[in-house]
C-alpha atoms as a PDB file:
ATOM      1  CA  MET A   1     132.306 -33.998 -71.703  1.00  0.00           C
ATOM      2  CA  ASP A   2     131.581 -35.764 -74.899  1.00  0.00           C
ATOM      3  CA  SER A   3     131.644 -32.980 -78.242  1.00  0.00           C
ATOM      4  CA  HIS A   4     127.828 -33.362 -79.698  1.00  0.00           C
ATOM      5  CA  ARG A   5     130.037 -34.978 -82.885  1.00  0.00           C
ATOM      6  CA  ARG A   6     131.134 -37.375 -80.453  1.00  0.00           C
ATOM      7  CA  SER A   7     127.708 -38.634 -79.242  1.00  0.00           C
ATOM      8  CA  ILE A   8     126.029 -38.240 -82.976  1.00  0.00           C
ATOM      9  CA  VAL A   9     128.865 -40.986 -84.046  1.00  0.00           C
ATOM     10  CA  LYS A  10     128.380 -43.274 -80.865  1.00  0.00           C
ATOM     11  CA  ALA A  11     124.637 -42.847 -81.261  1.00  0.00           C
ATOM     12  CA  ILE A  12     124.945 -44.155 -85.004  1.00  0.00           C
ATOM     13  CA  SER A  13     126.553 -46.771 -84.190  1.00  0.00           C
ATOM     14  CA  TRP A  14     124.843 -48.302 -81.242  1.00  0.00           C
ATOM     15  CA  ARG A  15     121.507 -47.917 -82.916  1.00  0.00           C
ATOM     16  CA  MET A  16     123.385 -49.567 -86.502  1.00  0.00           C
ATOM     17  CA  ILE A  17     124.073 -52.897 -83.967  1.00  0.00           C
ATOM     18  CA  ALA A  18     120.194 -52.242 -82.284  1.00  0.00           C
ATOM     19  CA  SER A  19     118.051 -51.565 -85.286  1.00  0.00           C
ATOM     20  CA  LEU A  20     119.931 -55.311 -87.363  1.00  0.00           C
ATOM     21  CA  THR A  21     118.725 -56.929 -84.006  1.00  0.00           C
ATOM     22  CA  THR A  22     114.957 -55.718 -84.210  1.00  0.00           C
ATOM     23  CA  PHE A  23     114.667 -55.831 -87.694  1.00  0.00           C
ATOM     24  CA  ALA A  24     115.822 -59.589 -87.467  1.00  0.00           C
ATOM     25  CA  LEU A  25     113.973 -60.225 -84.490  1.00  0.00           C
ATOM     26  CA  VAL A  26     110.408 -58.679 -86.937  1.00  0.00           C
ATOM     27  CA  TYR A  27     111.587 -60.906 -89.463  1.00  0.00           C
ATOM     28  CA  LEU A  28     111.888 -64.001 -87.582  1.00  0.00           C
ATOM     29  CA  PHE A  29     108.550 -63.477 -86.162  1.00  0.00           C
ATOM     30  CA  THR A  30     106.740 -62.256 -88.990  1.00  0.00           C
ATOM     31  CA  GLY A  31     108.396 -63.360 -91.602  1.00  0.00           C
ATOM     32  CA  GLU A  32     107.477 -60.541 -94.038  1.00  0.00           C
ATOM     33  CA  ILE A  33     110.906 -58.828 -94.753  1.00  0.00           C
ATOM     34  CA  THR A  34     108.589 -54.893 -95.903  1.00  0.00           C
ATOM     35  CA  LEU A  35     107.372 -54.905 -92.308  1.00  0.00           C
ATOM     36  CA  SER A  36     110.884 -55.926 -91.362  1.00  0.00           C
ATOM     37  CA  VAL A  37     112.775 -53.038 -92.396  1.00  0.00           C
ATOM     38  CA  GLN A  38     109.602 -50.262 -91.860  1.00  0.00           C
ATOM     39  CA  VAL A  39     109.797 -51.243 -88.447  1.00  0.00           C
ATOM     40  CA  GLY A  40     113.875 -50.699 -88.592  1.00  0.00           C
ATOM     41  CA  ILE A  41     113.748 -48.192 -90.269  1.00  0.00           C
ATOM     42  CA  LEU A  42     111.093 -46.263 -87.807  1.00  0.00           C
ATOM     43  CA  ASP A  43     113.097 -47.938 -85.047  1.00  0.00           C
ATOM     44  CA  VAL A  44     116.829 -45.878 -85.988  1.00  0.00           C
ATOM     45  CA  VAL A  45     114.903 -42.930 -86.502  1.00  0.00           C
ATOM     46  CA  LEU A  46     113.088 -42.698 -83.291  1.00  0.00           C
ATOM     47  CA  LYS A  47     115.983 -44.558 -80.895  1.00  0.00           C
ATOM     48  CA  MET A  48     118.764 -42.334 -82.275  1.00  0.00           C
ATOM     49  CA  ILE A  49     117.318 -38.886 -81.255  1.00  0.00           C
ATOM     50  CA  PHE A  50     116.039 -40.360 -78.194  1.00  0.00           C
ATOM     51  CA  TYR A  51     119.869 -41.668 -77.410  1.00  0.00           C
ATOM     52  CA  TYR A  52     121.205 -38.385 -78.538  1.00  0.00           C
ATOM     53  CA  GLY A  53     118.966 -36.388 -76.509  1.00  0.00           C
ATOM     54  CA  HIS A  54     119.962 -38.926 -73.713  1.00  0.00           C
ATOM     55  CA  GLU A  55     123.722 -38.455 -73.816  1.00  0.00           C
ATOM     56  CA  ARG A  56     123.284 -34.773 -74.024  1.00  0.00           C
ATOM     57  CA  VAL A  57     121.480 -34.534 -70.716  1.00  0.00           C
ATOM     58  CA  TRP A  58     123.858 -37.007 -69.028  1.00  0.00           C
ATOM     59  CA  ASN A  59     126.362 -34.477 -69.936  1.00  0.00           C
ATOM     60  CA  LYS A  60     125.024 -32.027 -67.738  1.00  0.00           C
ATOM     61  CA  ILE A  61     124.892 -34.575 -64.451  1.00  0.00           C
ATOM     62  CA  ASN A  62     127.906 -34.736 -62.606  1.00  0.00           C
ATOM     63  CA  TYR A  63     126.202 -37.899 -60.700  1.00  0.00           C
ATOM     64  CA  GLY A  64     129.380 -40.072 -60.913  1.00  0.00           C
ATOM     65  CA  ILE A  65     132.240 -38.068 -61.850  1.00  0.00           C
ATOM     66  CA  THR A  66     135.607 -37.828 -60.430  1.00  0.00           C
ATOM     67  CA  ALA A  67     137.903 -34.597 -60.567  1.00  0.00           C
ATOM     68  CA  LYS A  68     141.193 -35.652 -62.801  1.00  0.00           C
ATOM     69  CA  LYS A  69     144.097 -35.283 -60.804  1.00  0.00           C
ATOM     70  CA  ALA A  70     146.688 -32.135 -61.474  1.00  0.00           C
ATOM     71  CA  ASN A  71     150.148 -33.874 -62.928  1.00  0.00           C
END
């Protein structure tokens, strides 16, 4: 199971990549840097919260997890 800290670090690293994509797409379609930054910031905050929650829920679900063999 991932620790809370690991889930947070994973969420931050993924959000950096995904938010840069969102920023670029908004800028590409609108040509407005201010709007792109605003949408990018909102994207970071909301999706990082949702991702963290998603990770924590999946850590409580045993689906697809196999038991480790003792050595």
